[in-house]
Amino acid sequence: MHTCRSPRYLIGGCSPTGGWTRRTRLNGRVNTTPEDPVDPLGEPRWEDEVARLLRRPESLRCVYQPVVDLHTGDCAGYEALTRVADWPARSPQPWFTAAARTGLAGRLEAASLTNAFTGRAELDAEQFLAVNVAAPHLDEEVVVEVLRSQPDLAGVVIELDWPDGVPFDYEANAEVAALRVAGLRVACDVAEAGRAELDRLHQVRPDLVKLDAQLVKGAHQDPVRDRLVRLVVAMAQSMGAVVQAEGVESLRQMEALHKEGC
């Protein structure tokens, strides 16, 4: 895996298949527009739509967002972003929310991962593939089995999403520990550098710590944000984790992050 001290997520990156994406965050998933998604199907139909989607998993698609090493300019890897063919320009989050209400969240997560991993064949040997996984779904056998099925976990990074109010005891999950021994890497996102996020870093001890774009934005001009970035970078370095910065869009931002030790 090609690693670096401070890779960035490109905002307008090109996927291996030639598609272009623009990223904003929505509850750990990715939205391609600045607006909140509007439910075109009507709330009463979401559960039916999830069941229908699972019957035809070919409707799940992925775009692949490049991760670029700012030190070398090389593409270090890609992040897989799930899309639903019937609604390609919007976040898939409503499907995942409905799946959680109907007990189908693990199956939908597994189908999404299976689809994402098809893109690994297009990557160079030294590039990694990052996928988003809701942390509680790691208790689902169907999700863990998809991860186990990968012939080489050394090229896989899972970014853990932590839904509000959903319990998950990371330290008690022996499967994750075994997968990490087999080469799987774990990433955690830091958006606010609050106590909950810092406690999570201490609990998980991730291989990669991602500075969310909302934390990075304006940090080179805002002393408070700058201090928060330095705090997270210092904590990551003390754990031996790689630091990734999202949303680096200017040379001034890049230079500031270099000064902070990224």
Protein backbone atom coordinates (compact mmCIF):
# COMPACT_ATOMS: atom_id res chain seq x y z
CA MET A 1 0.00 0.00 0.00
CA HIS A 2 1.39 3.39 -0.98
CA THR A 3 1.11 5.58 2.10
CA CYS A 4 2.05 9.16 2.80
CA ARG A 5 1.94 11.62 5.64
CA SER A 6 -0.79 13.81 4.19
CA PRO A 7 -2.76 12.60 1.16
CA ARG A 8 -5.79 14.61 0.14
CA TYR A 9 -9.22 13.77 -1.19
CA LEU A 10 -9.75 15.58 -4.48
CA ILE A 11 -13.07 17.42 -4.67
CA GLY A 12 -13.41 17.01 -8.43
CA GLY A 13 -11.52 13.78 -8.96
CA CYS A 14 -11.85 11.37 -11.83
CA SER A 15 -12.82 7.77 -11.19
CA PRO A 16 -11.06 4.82 -12.92
CA THR A 17 -14.13 4.52 -15.13
CA GLY A 18 -13.94 8.14 -16.20
CA GLY A 19 -16.79 9.49 -14.10
CA TRP A 20 -16.46 12.73 -12.17
CA THR A 21 -17.83 13.23 -8.70
CA ARG A 22 -18.26 16.01 -6.22
CA ARG A 23 -18.39 15.15 -2.53
CA THR A 24 -20.25 16.44 0.48
CA ARG A 25 -20.97 14.47 3.65
CA LEU A 26 -24.37 13.28 4.79
CA ASN A 27 -24.46 11.04 7.86
CA GLY A 28 -21.32 9.20 6.87
CA ARG A 29 -22.50 8.63 3.30
CA VAL A 30 -21.76 10.84 0.35
CA ASN A 31 -24.08 13.29 -1.33
CA THR A 32 -23.26 14.65 -4.78
CA THR A 33 -25.12 17.93 -4.41
CA PRO A 34 -25.06 20.68 -1.77
CA GLU A 35 -28.77 20.28 -1.06
CA ASP A 36 -30.31 17.73 1.28
CA PRO A 37 -31.72 14.85 -0.76
CA VAL A 38 -35.42 15.02 -1.51
CA ASP A 39 -37.30 11.74 -1.28
CA PRO A 40 -38.78 11.28 -4.78
CA LEU A 41 -40.38 7.98 -3.91
CA GLY A 42 -42.48 8.99 -0.92
CA GLU A 43 -41.69 7.92 2.65
CA PRO A 44 -44.11 4.93 2.79
CA ARG A 45 -42.30 3.24 -0.11
CA TRP A 46 -38.72 3.27 1.17
CA GLU A 47 -38.92 -0.14 2.82
CA ASP A 48 -40.31 -1.62 -0.39
CA GLU A 49 -37.53 0.03 -2.36
CA VAL A 50 -34.85 -1.53 -0.11
CA ALA A 51 -36.29 -5.01 -0.60
CA ARG A 52 -36.46 -4.42 -4.35
CA LEU A 53 -32.87 -3.16 -4.42
CA LEU A 54 -31.62 -6.27 -2.63
CA ARG A 55 -33.40 -8.44 -5.20
CA ARG A 56 -31.47 -6.71 -7.98
CA PRO A 57 -28.07 -5.73 -6.50
CA GLU A 58 -26.84 -4.84 -9.99
CA SER A 59 -28.62 -1.52 -9.38
CA LEU A 60 -25.92 -0.65 -6.86
CA ARG A 61 -23.08 1.25 -8.49
CA CYS A 62 -19.84 2.79 -7.32
CA VAL A 63 -17.78 5.78 -8.27
CA TYR A 64 -14.18 5.86 -7.12
CA GLN A 65 -12.73 9.02 -5.59
CA PRO A 66 -8.94 9.33 -5.92
CA VAL A 67 -6.67 9.89 -2.92
CA VAL A 68 -3.59 11.83 -3.98
CA ASP A 69 -0.25 12.00 -2.21
CA LEU A 70 0.56 15.71 -2.01
CA HIS A 71 4.25 14.98 -1.55
CA THR A 72 4.65 13.06 -4.79
CA GLY A 73 1.51 13.82 -6.80
CA ASP A 74 0.86 10.08 -7.13
CA CYS A 75 -2.58 8.54 -6.72
CA ALA A 76 -2.23 6.48 -3.54
CA GLY A 77 -5.63 4.85 -3.78
CA TYR A 78 -9.37 5.37 -4.16
CA GLU A 79 -12.42 5.67 -1.96
CA ALA A 80 -15.48 3.77 -3.19
CA LEU A 81 -18.71 5.78 -3.06
CA THR A 82 -22.02 3.93 -3.38
CA ARG A 83 -24.70 5.10 -5.79
CA VAL A 84 -28.12 3.67 -6.64
CA ALA A 85 -28.80 3.47 -10.37
CA ASP A 86 -32.40 4.70 -10.01
CA TRP A 87 -31.15 7.81 -8.21
CA PRO A 88 -27.53 8.28 -9.33
CA ALA A 89 -27.21 12.00 -8.58
CA ARG A 90 -28.31 11.73 -4.96
CA SER A 91 -27.08 10.24 -1.72
CA PRO A 92 -27.93 6.57 -1.07
CA GLN A 93 -28.51 7.42 2.60
CA PRO A 94 -32.34 7.04 2.46
CA TRP A 95 -31.91 3.42 1.38
CA PHE A 96 -29.54 2.72 4.27
CA THR A 97 -31.85 4.50 6.74
CA ALA A 98 -34.83 2.47 5.56
CA ALA A 99 -32.76 -0.73 5.66
CA ALA A 100 -31.91 -0.05 9.29
CA ARG A 101 -35.62 0.30 10.11
CA THR A 102 -36.45 -3.04 8.51
CA GLY A 103 -33.53 -5.14 9.72
CA LEU A 104 -31.90 -5.24 6.27
CA ALA A 105 -28.99 -2.90 6.99
CA GLY A 106 -26.39 -5.66 7.14
CA ARG A 107 -27.51 -7.16 3.83
CA LEU A 108 -27.46 -3.78 2.10
CA GLU A 109 -24.03 -2.98 3.53
CA ALA A 110 -22.72 -6.35 2.34
CA ALA A 111 -24.14 -5.81 -1.16
CA SER A 112 -22.58 -2.35 -1.29
CA LEU A 113 -19.17 -3.72 -0.23
CA THR A 114 -19.34 -6.56 -2.74
CA ASN A 115 -20.03 -4.07 -5.49
CA ALA A 116 -17.25 -1.73 -4.34
CA PHE A 117 -14.65 -4.50 -4.31
CA THR A 118 -15.21 -5.22 -8.00
CA GLY A 119 -13.20 -2.07 -8.67
CA ARG A 120 -10.06 -3.47 -7.06
CA ALA A 121 -9.20 -5.22 -10.31
CA GLU A 122 -8.70 -1.80 -11.93
CA LEU A 123 -6.21 -0.55 -9.33
CA ASP A 124 -2.44 -0.74 -9.44
CA ALA A 125 -0.85 -3.17 -7.01
CA GLU A 126 0.41 -0.42 -4.70
CA GLN A 127 -2.93 1.42 -4.53
CA PHE A 128 -5.48 0.88 -1.78
CA LEU A 129 -9.26 0.87 -1.85
CA ALA A 130 -11.16 2.57 0.97
CA VAL A 131 -14.78 1.67 1.73
CA ASN A 132 -17.24 3.14 4.23
CA VAL A 133 -18.75 0.75 6.76
CA ALA A 134 -21.17 1.56 9.57
CA ALA A 135 -19.36 0.30 12.67
CA PRO A 136 -22.37 -1.64 14.10
CA HIS A 137 -22.58 -3.62 10.85
CA LEU A 138 -19.27 -5.28 11.74
CA ASP A 139 -21.36 -7.38 14.12
CA GLU A 140 -23.22 -8.74 11.07
CA GLU A 141 -21.81 -12.03 9.77
CA VAL A 142 -22.88 -11.22 6.21
CA VAL A 143 -20.72 -8.06 6.26
CA VAL A 144 -17.69 -9.69 7.86
CA GLU A 145 -17.89 -12.53 5.33
CA VAL A 146 -17.51 -10.07 2.44
CA LEU A 147 -14.34 -8.70 4.06
CA ARG A 148 -13.02 -12.21 4.71
CA SER A 149 -13.58 -13.10 1.06
CA GLN A 150 -10.99 -10.61 -0.14
CA PRO A 151 -7.80 -12.42 -1.17
CA ASP A 152 -5.54 -9.60 0.03
CA LEU A 153 -6.75 -7.38 2.85
CA ALA A 154 -3.52 -5.39 2.86
CA GLY A 155 -4.97 -3.20 0.12
CA VAL A 156 -8.29 -2.56 1.90
CA VAL A 157 -9.14 0.33 4.23
CA ILE A 158 -12.49 0.51 6.01
CA GLU A 159 -13.60 3.93 7.18
CA LEU A 160 -15.86 3.42 10.17
CA ASP A 161 -19.06 5.44 10.35
CA TRP A 162 -20.65 5.76 13.78
CA PRO A 163 -24.44 6.35 13.57
CA ASP A 164 -25.79 8.46 16.41
CA GLY A 165 -27.43 6.44 19.15
CA VAL A 166 -26.41 3.04 17.74
CA PRO A 167 -24.29 1.05 20.23
CA PHE A 168 -21.19 -0.78 19.10
CA ASP A 169 -18.43 -2.20 21.30
CA TYR A 170 -15.40 -2.05 19.03
CA GLU A 171 -13.03 -3.59 21.58
CA ALA A 172 -15.29 -6.62 22.00
CA ASN A 173 -15.38 -7.38 18.29
CA ALA A 174 -12.90 -10.23 17.80
CA GLU A 175 -13.62 -10.46 14.06
CA VAL A 176 -12.30 -6.95 13.41
CA ALA A 177 -9.16 -7.70 15.40
CA ALA A 178 -8.56 -10.84 13.35
CA LEU A 179 -9.12 -8.98 10.07
CA ARG A 180 -6.61 -6.31 11.10
CA VAL A 181 -4.05 -8.99 11.85
CA ALA A 182 -4.70 -10.27 8.30
CA GLY A 183 -3.85 -6.83 6.89
CA LEU A 184 -7.08 -4.85 6.97
CA ARG A 185 -6.57 -1.17 7.75
CA VAL A 186 -9.04 1.00 9.65
CA ALA A 187 -9.70 4.71 9.24
CA CYS A 188 -11.60 7.12 11.49
CA ASP A 189 -12.89 10.52 10.48
CA VAL A 190 -12.47 13.58 12.71
CA ALA A 191 -14.85 16.43 11.92
CA GLU A 192 -14.93 18.48 15.13
CA ALA A 193 -12.12 17.11 17.33
CA GLY A 194 -14.58 16.85 20.21
CA ARG A 195 -14.29 14.48 23.15
CA ALA A 196 -16.36 11.71 21.56
CA GLU A 197 -14.22 11.65 18.42
CA LEU A 198 -10.94 11.75 20.35
CA ASP A 199 -12.14 8.97 22.68
CA ARG A 200 -12.99 6.95 19.58
CA LEU A 201 -9.47 7.39 18.22
CA HIS A 202 -8.10 6.13 21.52
CA GLN A 203 -10.46 3.14 21.46
CA VAL A 204 -9.97 2.10 17.84
CA ARG A 205 -6.29 3.07 17.35
CA PRO A 206 -6.88 3.49 13.58
CA ASP A 207 -4.22 3.12 10.93
CA LEU A 208 -5.45 6.29 9.23
CA VAL A 209 -6.92 9.43 10.78
CA LYS A 210 -8.90 11.58 8.36
CA LEU A 211 -9.22 15.29 8.95
CA ASP A 212 -12.70 16.10 7.69
CA ALA A 213 -13.03 18.93 5.18
CA GLN A 214 -15.07 21.01 7.64
CA LEU A 215 -12.15 20.92 10.08
CA VAL A 216 -9.49 21.59 7.44
CA LYS A 217 -11.39 24.43 5.78
CA GLY A 218 -10.02 27.78 6.90
CA ALA A 219 -7.64 26.23 9.44
CA HIS A 220 -4.74 28.22 7.96
CA GLN A 221 -6.65 31.44 8.77
CA ASP A 222 -8.38 30.46 12.01
CA PRO A 223 -6.16 30.01 15.12
CA VAL A 224 -8.79 27.84 16.85
CA ARG A 225 -9.17 25.44 13.93
CA ASP A 226 -5.40 25.42 13.56
CA ARG A 227 -4.99 24.32 17.18
CA LEU A 228 -7.58 21.56 16.68
CA VAL A 229 -5.76 20.29 13.59
CA ARG A 230 -2.48 20.25 15.48
CA LEU A 231 -4.11 18.35 18.35
CA VAL A 232 -5.48 15.65 16.06
CA VAL A 233 -2.20 15.38 14.09
CA ALA A 234 -0.21 15.00 17.32
CA MET A 235 -2.60 12.33 18.61
CA ALA A 236 -2.44 10.42 15.32
CA GLN A 237 1.33 10.54 15.22
CA SER A 238 1.54 9.28 18.80
CA MET A 239 -0.43 6.20 17.66
CA GLY A 240 1.65 5.71 14.53
CA ALA A 241 -1.32 6.54 12.29
CA VAL A 242 -1.18 8.14 8.86
CA VAL A 243 -2.97 11.49 8.61
CA GLN A 244 -5.20 12.23 5.63
CA ALA A 245 -6.70 15.65 4.96
CA GLU A 246 -9.94 16.06 3.04
CA GLY A 247 -10.86 19.09 0.99
CA VAL A 248 -7.39 20.57 0.45
CA GLU A 249 -8.12 23.05 -2.32
CA SER A 250 -5.29 25.59 -2.24
CA LEU A 251 -1.52 25.80 -1.89
CA ARG A 252 -1.94 27.83 1.30
CA GLN A 253 -3.96 25.03 2.88
CA MET A 254 -1.38 22.45 1.79
CA GLU A 255 1.54 24.50 3.12
CA ALA A 256 -0.22 25.05 6.44
CA LEU A 257 -0.87 21.33 6.84
CA HIS A 258 2.79 20.59 6.10
CA LYS A 259 3.78 22.96 8.90
CA GLU A 260 1.49 21.13 11.29
CA GLY A 261 3.36 17.90 10.60
CA CYS A 262 1.05 16.35 8.05
